[in-house]
Protein backbone atom coordinates (compact mmCIF):
# COMPACT_ATOMS: atom_id res chain seq x y z
CA LEU A 1 136.94 108.30 35.51
CA HIS A 2 133.28 109.22 35.48
CA ARG A 3 133.36 109.79 39.25
CA TYR A 4 135.73 112.71 38.74
CA THR A 5 133.10 114.68 36.81
CA THR A 6 130.78 115.61 39.69
CA PRO A 7 131.23 116.99 43.20
CA GLU A 8 129.48 113.89 44.54
CA GLY A 9 131.87 111.63 42.67
CA LEU A 10 134.87 113.57 43.89
CA SER A 11 133.58 113.36 47.44
CA PHE A 12 133.42 109.58 47.04
CA VAL A 13 136.96 109.49 45.65
CA PHE A 14 138.36 111.60 48.48
CA SER A 15 136.58 109.46 51.08
CA ARG A 16 138.14 106.34 49.56
CA MET A 17 141.57 108.00 49.45
CA LYS A 18 141.27 108.90 53.14
CA ARG A 19 140.99 105.20 53.99
CA ARG A 20 144.44 104.60 52.52
CA LEU A 21 146.22 107.41 54.34
CA THR A 22 147.90 107.18 57.72
CA ARG A 23 146.82 110.80 58.21
CA PRO A 24 143.40 111.08 56.57
CA GLU A 25 142.92 114.53 58.08
CA TRP A 26 145.28 115.82 55.38
CA LEU A 27 142.39 115.50 52.94
CA SER A 28 139.90 117.28 55.16
CA GLY A 29 138.51 120.18 53.20
CA ALA A 30 140.10 119.01 49.95
CA LEU A 31 136.81 118.96 48.07
CA ASP A 32 135.80 122.41 49.31
CA SER A 33 139.20 123.78 48.36
CA LEU A 34 139.06 122.20 44.92
CA LEU A 35 135.56 123.49 44.23
CA ALA A 36 136.43 126.99 45.47
CA ASP A 37 139.22 127.23 42.88
CA LEU A 38 137.60 125.12 40.18
CA GLU A 39 137.53 127.88 37.57
CA ALA A 40 141.27 128.48 37.94
CA TYR A 41 141.97 124.74 37.68
CA GLU A 42 139.84 124.53 34.54
CA GLU A 43 141.69 127.44 32.95
CA GLU A 44 145.06 125.88 33.73
CA PHE A 45 143.94 122.50 32.40
CA ASN A 46 142.54 124.01 29.20
CA ALA A 47 145.84 125.82 28.61
CA PHE A 48 147.98 122.79 29.42
CA PHE A 49 146.13 119.88 27.83
CA PRO A 50 146.58 120.96 24.19
CA GLU A 51 150.33 120.95 24.86
CA VAL A 52 150.07 117.38 26.15
CA ILE A 53 148.24 116.33 22.99
CA GLU A 54 150.91 117.91 20.79
CA PHE A 55 153.67 116.25 22.77
CA VAL A 56 152.03 112.85 22.46
CA LYS A 57 151.62 113.35 18.73
CA GLY A 58 155.36 114.00 18.51
CA GLY A 59 155.20 117.72 17.86
CA GLU A 60 157.48 118.59 20.79
CA ARG A 61 160.55 116.44 20.31
């Protein structure tokens, strides 16, 4: 999971994922797109993850 914490690590992950796809071009630009919207993704994650924690604890049954 440590690789997901840096742009370099994500680049490595995407390059490995491309090897498994029949159409690797679908991931072209994925890192740039992700980094361009990173702040929005972080906001969404920070809003969503506490709900996940509560659900796992049994608070949402």
